[in-house]
Amino acid sequence: MEIKFIQKKKGVVELEFDDKTLPNALVGVLSEMGVDAYVYDPHPLIPGYRLHVEAPDAMKELKSAMNRVEKEWKEFHKLLKGEMKSK
């Protein structure tokens, strides 16, 4: 997976991903946190998906969302692994 910073300011962070999975997970968590964030495709002929985050401290909010996604994916992995062992 490739991730590239497009914009990095105190109030705005924008990243480009080569896959839509992680930015969609992050935007869902950010929305639950009440942070203004969205994912978009800058151009249909150019590959890549962008995550745009706006908040008074956008980087802090993004880090918090990343930690939540990581925790949720670890919990999912643990549950799935347990289900696979029992069958």
PDB file of N, CA and C in Angstrom:
ATOM      1  N   MET A   1       0.843  -1.174   0.000  1.00  0.00           N
ATOM      2  CA  MET A   1       0.000   0.000   0.000  1.00  0.00           C
ATOM      3  C   MET A   1       0.889   1.239   0.000  1.00  0.00           C
ATOM      4  N   GLU A   2       0.556   2.158  -0.850  1.00  0.00           N
ATOM      5  CA  GLU A   2       1.280   3.429  -0.901  1.00  0.00           C
ATOM      6  C   GLU A   2       0.398   4.539  -0.341  1.00  0.00           C
ATOM      7  N   ILE A   3       1.021   5.397   0.479  1.00  0.00           N
ATOM      8  CA  ILE A   3       0.330   6.553   1.046  1.00  0.00           C
ATOM      9  C   ILE A   3       1.229   7.761   0.850  1.00  0.00           C
ATOM     10  N   LYS A   4       0.632   8.850   0.364  1.00  0.00           N
ATOM     11  CA  LYS A   4       1.412  10.061   0.107  1.00  0.00           C
ATOM     12  C   LYS A   4       0.655  11.265   0.668  1.00  0.00           C
ATOM     13  N   PHE A   5       1.391  12.131   1.380  1.00  0.00           N
ATOM     14  CA  PHE A   5       0.779  13.367   1.868  1.00  0.00           C
ATOM     15  C   PHE A   5       0.664  14.349   0.709  1.00  0.00           C
ATOM     16  N   ILE A   6      -0.533  14.870   0.494  1.00  0.00           N
ATOM     17  CA  ILE A   6      -0.781  15.881  -0.527  1.00  0.00           C
ATOM     18  C   ILE A   6      -0.751  17.258   0.122  1.00  0.00           C
ATOM     19  N   GLN A   7      -1.367  17.350   1.294  1.00  0.00           N
ATOM     20  CA  GLN A   7      -1.420  18.616   2.024  1.00  0.00           C
ATOM     21  C   GLN A   7      -1.328  18.309   3.517  1.00  0.00           C
ATOM     22  N   LYS A   8      -0.524  19.092   4.220  1.00  0.00           N
ATOM     23  CA  LYS A   8      -0.336  18.858   5.655  1.00  0.00           C
ATOM     24  C   LYS A   8      -0.180  20.206   6.346  1.00  0.00           C
ATOM     25  N   LYS A   9      -1.308  20.712   6.865  1.00  0.00           N
ATOM     26  CA  LYS A   9      -1.338  21.961   7.620  1.00  0.00           C
ATOM     27  C   LYS A   9      -2.016  21.669   8.950  1.00  0.00           C
ATOM     28  N   LYS A  10      -2.008  22.633   9.846  1.00  0.00           N
ATOM     29  CA  LYS A  10      -2.639  22.420  11.157  1.00  0.00           C
ATOM     30  C   LYS A  10      -4.127  22.081  11.015  1.00  0.00           C
ATOM     31  N   GLY A  11      -4.841  22.774  10.161  1.00  0.00           N
ATOM     32  CA  GLY A  11      -6.281  22.571  10.042  1.00  0.00           C
ATOM     33  C   GLY A  11      -6.718  21.652   8.922  1.00  0.00           C
ATOM     34  N   VAL A  12      -5.788  21.247   8.046  1.00  0.00           N
ATOM     35  CA  VAL A  12      -6.147  20.415   6.896  1.00  0.00           C
ATOM     36  C   VAL A  12      -5.060  19.372   6.644  1.00  0.00           C
ATOM     37  N   VAL A  13      -5.502  18.133   6.461  1.00  0.00           N
ATOM     38  CA  VAL A  13      -4.594  17.062   6.055  1.00  0.00           C
ATOM     39  C   VAL A  13      -5.251  16.352   4.885  1.00  0.00           C
ATOM     40  N   GLU A  14      -4.465  16.105   3.838  1.00  0.00           N
ATOM     41  CA  GLU A  14      -4.974  15.348   2.700  1.00  0.00           C
ATOM     42  C   GLU A  14      -3.929  14.314   2.311  1.00  0.00           C
ATOM     43  N   LEU A  15      -4.373  13.071   2.208  1.00  0.00           N
ATOM     44  CA  LEU A  15      -3.486  11.973   1.848  1.00  0.00           C
ATOM     45  C   LEU A  15      -4.009  11.277   0.608  1.00  0.00           C
ATOM     46  N   GLU A  16      -3.092  10.684  -0.154  1.00  0.00           N
ATOM     47  CA  GLU A  16      -3.475   9.901  -1.325  1.00  0.00           C
ATOM     48  C   GLU A  16      -3.111   8.441  -1.080  1.00  0.00           C
ATOM     49  N   PHE A  17      -4.058   7.552  -1.355  1.00  0.00           N
ATOM     50  CA  PHE A  17      -3.889   6.114  -1.178  1.00  0.00           C
ATOM     51  C   PHE A  17      -4.054   5.424  -2.524  1.00  0.00           C
ATOM     52  N   ASP A  18      -3.425   4.264  -2.693  1.00  0.00           N
ATOM     53  CA  ASP A  18      -3.602   3.506  -3.929  1.00  0.00           C
ATOM     54  C   ASP A  18      -4.769   2.514  -3.830  1.00  0.00           C
ATOM     55  N   ASP A  19      -5.400   2.448  -2.659  1.00  0.00           N
ATOM     56  CA  ASP A  19      -6.524   1.554  -2.426  1.00  0.00           C
ATOM     57  C   ASP A  19      -7.581   2.311  -1.617  1.00  0.00           C
ATOM     58  N   LYS A  20      -8.837   1.948  -1.772  1.00  0.00           N
ATOM     59  CA  LYS A  20      -9.916   2.692  -1.117  1.00  0.00           C
ATOM     60  C   LYS A  20     -10.289   2.163   0.269  1.00  0.00           C
ATOM     61  N   THR A  21      -9.788   0.995   0.647  1.00  0.00           N
ATOM     62  CA  THR A  21     -10.206   0.353   1.892  1.00  0.00           C
ATOM     63  C   THR A  21      -9.890   1.180   3.129  1.00  0.00           C
ATOM     64  N   LEU A  22      -8.636   1.543   3.317  1.00  0.00           N
ATOM     65  CA  LEU A  22      -8.235   2.277   4.516  1.00  0.00           C
ATOM     66  C   LEU A  22      -8.841   3.680   4.575  1.00  0.00           C
ATOM     67  N   PRO A  23      -8.819   4.462   3.487  1.00  0.00           N
ATOM     68  CA  PRO A  23      -9.446   5.783   3.597  1.00  0.00           C
ATOM     69  C   PRO A  23     -10.940   5.711   3.916  1.00  0.00           C
ATOM     70  N   ASN A  24     -11.641   4.718   3.385  1.00  0.00           N
ATOM     71  CA  ASN A  24     -13.069   4.581   3.704  1.00  0.00           C
ATOM     72  C   ASN A  24     -13.277   4.228   5.171  1.00  0.00           C
ATOM     73  N   ALA A  25     -12.427   3.366   5.715  1.00  0.00           N
ATOM     74  CA  ALA A  25     -12.522   3.030   7.137  1.00  0.00           C
ATOM     75  C   ALA A  25     -12.235   4.264   7.992  1.00  0.00           C
ATOM     76  N   LEU A  26     -11.208   5.017   7.613  1.00  0.00           N
ATOM     77  CA  LEU A  26     -10.848   6.218   8.371  1.00  0.00           C
ATOM     78  C   LEU A  26     -11.941   7.278   8.314  1.00  0.00           C
ATOM     79  N   VAL A  27     -12.525   7.486   7.136  1.00  0.00           N
ATOM     80  CA  VAL A  27     -13.559   8.517   7.018  1.00  0.00           C
ATOM     81  C   VAL A  27     -14.790   8.133   7.839  1.00  0.00           C
ATOM     82  N   GLY A  28     -15.081   6.848   7.938  1.00  0.00           N
ATOM     83  CA  GLY A  28     -16.195   6.409   8.775  1.00  0.00           C
ATOM     84  C   GLY A  28     -15.963   6.729  10.243  1.00  0.00           C
ATOM     85  N   VAL A  29     -14.764   6.442  10.723  1.00  0.00           N
ATOM     86  CA  VAL A  29     -14.422   6.722  12.122  1.00  0.00           C
ATOM     87  C   VAL A  29     -14.380   8.226  12.364  1.00  0.00           C
ATOM     88  N   LEU A  30     -13.777   8.966  11.441  1.00  0.00           N
ATOM     89  CA  LEU A  30     -13.708  10.425  11.589  1.00  0.00           C
ATOM     90  C   LEU A  30     -15.108  11.033  11.643  1.00  0.00           C
ATOM     91  N   SER A  31     -16.011  10.538  10.825  1.00  0.00           N
ATOM     92  CA  SER A  31     -17.394  11.035  10.843  1.00  0.00           C
ATOM     93  C   SER A  31     -18.061  10.746  12.183  1.00  0.00           C
ATOM     94  N   GLU A  32     -17.822   9.538  12.726  1.00  0.00           N
ATOM     95  CA  GLU A  32     -18.367   9.202  14.046  1.00  0.00           C
ATOM     96  C   GLU A  32     -17.827  10.140  15.120  1.00  0.00           C
ATOM     97  N   MET A  33     -16.597  10.613  14.937  1.00  0.00           N
ATOM     98  CA  MET A  33     -15.959  11.520  15.890  1.00  0.00           C
ATOM     99  C   MET A  33     -16.415  12.967  15.691  1.00  0.00           C
ATOM    100  N   GLY A  34     -17.208  13.224  14.641  1.00  0.00           N
ATOM    101  CA  GLY A  34     -17.685  14.572  14.365  1.00  0.00           C
ATOM    102  C   GLY A  34     -16.694  15.433  13.601  1.00  0.00           C
ATOM    103  N   VAL A  35     -15.733  14.790  12.934  1.00  0.00           N
ATOM    104  CA  VAL A  35     -14.708  15.505  12.171  1.00  0.00           C
ATOM    105  C   VAL A  35     -15.143  15.584  10.711  1.00  0.00           C
ATOM    106  N   ASP A  36     -14.921  16.736  10.087  1.00  0.00           N
ATOM    107  CA  ASP A  36     -15.239  16.934   8.677  1.00  0.00           C
ATOM    108  C   ASP A  36     -14.197  16.204   7.836  1.00  0.00           C
ATOM    109  N   ALA A  37     -14.613  15.125   7.173  1.00  0.00           N
ATOM    110  CA  ALA A  37     -13.689  14.330   6.363  1.00  0.00           C
ATOM    111  C   ALA A  37     -14.455  13.674   5.223  1.00  0.00           C
ATOM    112  N   TYR A  38     -13.763  13.467   4.111  1.00  0.00           N
ATOM    113  CA  TYR A  38     -14.366  12.780   2.975  1.00  0.00           C
ATOM    114  C   TYR A  38     -13.283  12.132   2.126  1.00  0.00           C
ATOM    115  N   VAL A  39     -13.698  11.138   1.331  1.00  0.00           N
ATOM    116  CA  VAL A  39     -12.813  10.452   0.391  1.00  0.00           C
ATOM    117  C   VAL A  39     -13.299  10.795  -1.002  1.00  0.00           C
ATOM    118  N   TYR A  40     -12.358  11.068  -1.899  1.00  0.00           N
ATOM    119  CA  TYR A  40     -12.746  11.339  -3.279  1.00  0.00           C
ATOM    120  C   TYR A  40     -11.699  10.821  -4.246  1.00  0.00           C
ATOM    121  N   ASP A  41     -12.121  10.678  -5.489  1.00  0.00           N
ATOM    122  CA  ASP A  41     -11.269  10.231  -6.592  1.00  0.00           C
ATOM    123  C   ASP A  41     -10.981  11.474  -7.426  1.00  0.00           C
ATOM    124  N   PRO A  42      -9.738  11.998  -7.402  1.00  0.00           N
ATOM    125  CA  PRO A  42      -9.461  13.277  -8.053  1.00  0.00           C
ATOM    126  C   PRO A  42      -9.709  13.299  -9.565  1.00  0.00           C
ATOM    127  N   HIS A  43      -9.496  12.176 -10.235  1.00  0.00           N
ATOM    128  CA  HIS A  43      -9.728  12.133 -11.682  1.00  0.00           C
ATOM    129  C   HIS A  43      -9.913  10.679 -12.097  1.00  0.00           C
ATOM    130  N   PRO A  44     -10.908  10.389 -12.933  1.00  0.00           N
ATOM    131  CA  PRO A  44     -11.176   8.993 -13.307  1.00  0.00           C
ATOM    132  C   PRO A  44     -10.027   8.310 -14.057  1.00  0.00           C
ATOM    133  N   LEU A  45      -9.179   9.072 -14.713  1.00  0.00           N
ATOM    134  CA  LEU A  45      -8.079   8.474 -15.471  1.00  0.00           C
ATOM    135  C   LEU A  45      -6.785   8.365 -14.674  1.00  0.00           C
ATOM    136  N   ILE A  46      -6.755   8.965 -13.499  1.00  0.00           N
ATOM    137  CA  ILE A  46      -5.555   8.930 -12.665  1.00  0.00           C
ATOM    138  C   ILE A  46      -5.856   8.070 -11.443  1.00  0.00           C
ATOM    139  N   PRO A  47      -5.067   7.008 -11.221  1.00  0.00           N
ATOM    140  CA  PRO A  47      -5.339   6.149 -10.072  1.00  0.00           C
ATOM    141  C   PRO A  47      -5.054   6.856  -8.749  1.00  0.00           C
ATOM    142  N   GLY A  48      -5.772   6.463  -7.731  1.00  0.00           N
ATOM    143  CA  GLY A  48      -5.550   7.022  -6.401  1.00  0.00           C
ATOM    144  C   GLY A  48      -6.833   7.548  -5.796  1.00  0.00           C
ATOM    145  N   TYR A  49      -6.887   7.474  -4.482  1.00  0.00           N
ATOM    146  CA  TYR A  49      -8.035   7.953  -3.720  1.00  0.00           C
ATOM    147  C   TYR A  49      -7.514   8.885  -2.648  1.00  0.00           C
ATOM    148  N   ARG A  50      -8.193   9.977  -2.437  1.00  0.00           N
ATOM    149  CA  ARG A  50      -7.729  10.969  -1.472  1.00  0.00           C
ATOM    150  C   ARG A  50      -8.660  11.060  -0.274  1.00  0.00           C
ATOM    151  N   LEU A  51      -8.034  11.165   0.884  1.00  0.00           N
ATOM    152  CA  LEU A  51      -8.742  11.385   2.137  1.00  0.00           C
ATOM    153  C   LEU A  51      -8.460  12.815   2.552  1.00  0.00           C
ATOM    154  N   HIS A  52      -9.507  13.608   2.709  1.00  0.00           N
ATOM    155  CA  HIS A  52      -9.397  15.019   3.086  1.00  0.00           C
ATOM    156  C   HIS A  52      -9.986  15.174   4.485  1.00  0.00           C
ATOM    157  N   VAL A  53      -9.203  15.749   5.404  1.00  0.00           N
ATOM    158  CA  VAL A  53      -9.630  15.926   6.796  1.00  0.00           C
ATOM    159  C   VAL A  53      -9.481  17.389   7.172  1.00  0.00           C
ATOM    160  N   GLU A  54     -10.552  17.987   7.706  1.00  0.00           N
ATOM    161  CA  GLU A  54     -10.502  19.372   8.192  1.00  0.00           C
ATOM    162  C   GLU A  54     -10.956  19.404   9.642  1.00  0.00           C
ATOM    163  N   ALA A  55     -10.111  19.984  10.487  1.00  0.00           N
ATOM    164  CA  ALA A  55     -10.397  20.126  11.921  1.00  0.00           C
ATOM    165  C   ALA A  55      -9.391  21.119  12.482  1.00  0.00           C
ATOM    166  N   PRO A  56      -9.662  21.688  13.652  1.00  0.00           N
ATOM    167  CA  PRO A  56      -8.682  22.609  14.239  1.00  0.00           C
ATOM    168  C   PRO A  56      -7.276  21.995  14.329  1.00  0.00           C
ATOM    169  N   ASP A  57      -7.196  20.696  14.687  1.00  0.00           N
ATOM    170  CA  ASP A  57      -5.922  19.973  14.666  1.00  0.00           C
ATOM    171  C   ASP A  57      -6.154  18.677  13.886  1.00  0.00           C
ATOM    172  N   ALA A  58      -6.123  18.791  12.564  1.00  0.00           N
ATOM    173  CA  ALA A  58      -6.473  17.679  11.679  1.00  0.00           C
ATOM    174  C   ALA A  58      -5.569  16.465  11.873  1.00  0.00           C
ATOM    175  N   MET A  59      -4.276  16.682  12.078  1.00  0.00           N
ATOM    176  CA  MET A  59      -3.351  15.563  12.245  1.00  0.00           C
ATOM    177  C   MET A  59      -3.661  14.784  13.523  1.00  0.00           C
ATOM    178  N   LYS A  60      -3.996  15.486  14.587  1.00  0.00           N
ATOM    179  CA  LYS A  60      -4.352  14.829  15.855  1.00  0.00           C
ATOM    180  C   LYS A  60      -5.597  13.966  15.667  1.00  0.00           C
ATOM    181  N   GLU A  61      -6.591  14.502  14.970  1.00  0.00           N
ATOM    182  CA  GLU A  61      -7.830  13.756  14.721  1.00  0.00           C
ATOM    183  C   GLU A  61      -7.557  12.532  13.850  1.00  0.00           C
ATOM    184  N   LEU A  62      -6.705  12.696  12.837  1.00  0.00           N
ATOM    185  CA  LEU A  62      -6.361  11.578  11.955  1.00  0.00           C
ATOM    186  C   LEU A  62      -5.640  10.480  12.735  1.00  0.00           C
ATOM    187  N   LYS A  63      -4.714  10.855  13.591  1.00  0.00           N
ATOM    188  CA  LYS A  63      -3.998   9.864  14.411  1.00  0.00           C
ATOM    189  C   LYS A  63      -4.960   9.116  15.326  1.00  0.00           C
ATOM    190  N   SER A  64      -5.891   9.837  15.911  1.00  0.00           N
ATOM    191  CA  SER A  64      -6.883   9.211  16.782  1.00  0.00           C
ATOM    192  C   SER A  64      -7.736   8.211  15.998  1.00  0.00           C
ATOM    193  N   ALA A  65      -8.146   8.595  14.796  1.00  0.00           N
ATOM    194  CA  ALA A  65      -8.946   7.703  13.948  1.00  0.00           C
ATOM    195  C   ALA A  65      -8.135   6.478  13.536  1.00  0.00           C
ATOM    196  N   MET A  66      -6.855   6.675  13.212  1.00  0.00           N
ATOM    197  CA  MET A  66      -6.004   5.540  12.836  1.00  0.00           C
ATOM    198  C   MET A  66      -5.888   4.549  13.989  1.00  0.00           C
ATOM    199  N   ASN A  67      -5.746   5.059  15.201  1.00  0.00           N
ATOM    200  CA  ASN A  67      -5.657   4.176  16.368  1.00  0.00           C
ATOM    201  C   ASN A  67      -6.944   3.387  16.571  1.00  0.00           C
ATOM    202  N   ARG A  68      -8.088   4.035  16.361  1.00  0.00           N
ATOM    203  CA  ARG A  68      -9.376   3.334  16.506  1.00  0.00           C
ATOM    204  C   ARG A  68      -9.542   2.259  15.446  1.00  0.00           C
ATOM    205  N   VAL A  69      -9.180   2.582  14.192  1.00  0.00           N
ATOM    206  CA  VAL A  69      -9.290   1.596  13.110  1.00  0.00           C
ATOM    207  C   VAL A  69      -8.375   0.409  13.399  1.00  0.00           C
ATOM    208  N   GLU A  70      -7.151   0.690  13.831  1.00  0.00           N
ATOM    209  CA  GLU A  70      -6.211  -0.389  14.145  1.00  0.00           C
ATOM    210  C   GLU A  70      -6.772  -1.291  15.251  1.00  0.00           C
ATOM    211  N   LYS A  71      -7.329  -0.691  16.292  1.00  0.00           N
ATOM    212  CA  LYS A  71      -7.899  -1.457  17.406  1.00  0.00           C
ATOM    213  C   LYS A  71      -9.072  -2.315  16.927  1.00  0.00           C
ATOM    214  N   GLU A  72      -9.957  -1.723  16.113  1.00  0.00           N
ATOM    215  CA  GLU A  72     -11.120  -2.460  15.611  1.00  0.00           C
ATOM    216  C   GLU A  72     -10.699  -3.612  14.705  1.00  0.00           C
ATOM    217  N   TRP A  73      -9.689  -3.397  13.853  1.00  0.00           N
ATOM    218  CA  TRP A  73      -9.229  -4.464  12.966  1.00  0.00           C
ATOM    219  C   TRP A  73      -8.562  -5.581  13.751  1.00  0.00           C
ATOM    220  N   LYS A  74      -7.850  -5.247  14.831  1.00  0.00           N
ATOM    221  CA  LYS A  74      -7.244  -6.285  15.678  1.00  0.00           C
ATOM    222  C   LYS A  74      -8.328  -7.107  16.361  1.00  0.00           C
ATOM    223  N   GLU A  75      -9.382  -6.440  16.838  1.00  0.00           N
ATOM    224  CA  GLU A  75     -10.501  -7.153  17.461  1.00  0.00           C
ATOM    225  C   GLU A  75     -11.188  -8.059  16.445  1.00  0.00           C
ATOM    226  N   PHE A  76     -11.391  -7.559  15.229  1.00  0.00           N
ATOM    227  CA  PHE A  76     -12.012  -8.349  14.167  1.00  0.00           C
ATOM    228  C   PHE A  76     -11.150  -9.572  13.854  1.00  0.00           C
ATOM    229  N   HIS A  77      -9.848  -9.375  13.746  1.00  0.00           N
ATOM    230  CA  HIS A  77      -8.925 -10.470  13.447  1.00  0.00           C
ATOM    231  C   HIS A  77      -8.990 -11.537  14.536  1.00  0.00           C
ATOM    232  N   LYS A  78      -9.017 -11.101  15.790  1.00  0.00           N
ATOM    233  CA  LYS A  78      -9.075 -12.031  16.917  1.00  0.00           C
ATOM    234  C   LYS A  78     -10.377 -12.835  16.878  1.00  0.00           C
ATOM    235  N   LEU A  79     -11.504 -12.165  16.635  1.00  0.00           N
ATOM    236  CA  LEU A  79     -12.794 -12.853  16.559  1.00  0.00           C
ATOM    237  C   LEU A  79     -12.834 -13.835  15.396  1.00  0.00           C
ATOM    238  N   LEU A  80     -12.355 -13.412  14.249  1.00  0.00           N
ATOM    239  CA  LEU A  80     -12.363 -14.265  13.065  1.00  0.00           C
ATOM    240  C   LEU A  80     -11.461 -15.476  13.266  1.00  0.00           C
ATOM    241  N   LYS A  81     -10.300 -15.252  13.841  1.00  0.00           N
ATOM    242  CA  LYS A  81      -9.363 -16.345  14.099  1.00  0.00           C
ATOM    243  C   LYS A  81      -9.982 -17.360  15.059  1.00  0.00           C
ATOM    244  N   GLY A  82     -10.685 -16.867  16.082  1.00  0.00           N
ATOM    245  CA  GLY A  82     -11.362 -17.751  17.026  1.00  0.00           C
ATOM    246  C   GLY A  82     -12.460 -18.563  16.364  1.00  0.00           C
ATOM    247  N   GLU A  83     -13.219 -17.943  15.483  1.00  0.00           N
ATOM    248  CA  GLU A  83     -14.286 -18.647  14.758  1.00  0.00           C
ATOM    249  C   GLU A  83     -13.709 -19.708  13.830  1.00  0.00           C
ATOM    250  N   MET A  84     -12.587 -19.415  13.213  1.00  0.00           N
ATOM    251  CA  MET A  84     -11.973 -20.367  12.283  1.00  0.00           C
ATOM    252  C   MET A  84     -11.440 -21.591  13.032  1.00  0.00           C
ATOM    253  N   LYS A  85     -10.956 -21.402  14.260  1.00  0.00           N
ATOM    254  CA  LYS A  85     -10.445 -22.522  15.056  1.00  0.00           C
ATOM    255  C   LYS A  85     -11.572 -23.436  15.513  1.00  0.00           C
ATOM    256  N   SER A  86     -12.730 -22.854  15.810  1.00  0.00           N
ATOM    257  CA  SER A  86     -13.834 -23.644  16.352  1.00  0.00           C
ATOM    258  C   SER A  86     -14.560 -24.465  15.292  1.00  0.00           C
ATOM    259  N   LYS A  87     -14.294 -24.226  14.044  1.00  0.00           N
ATOM    260  CA  LYS A  87     -15.014 -24.953  12.975  1.00  0.00           C
ATOM    261  C   LYS A  87     -14.142 -25.977  12.311  1.00  0.00           C
TER     262      LYS A  87
END
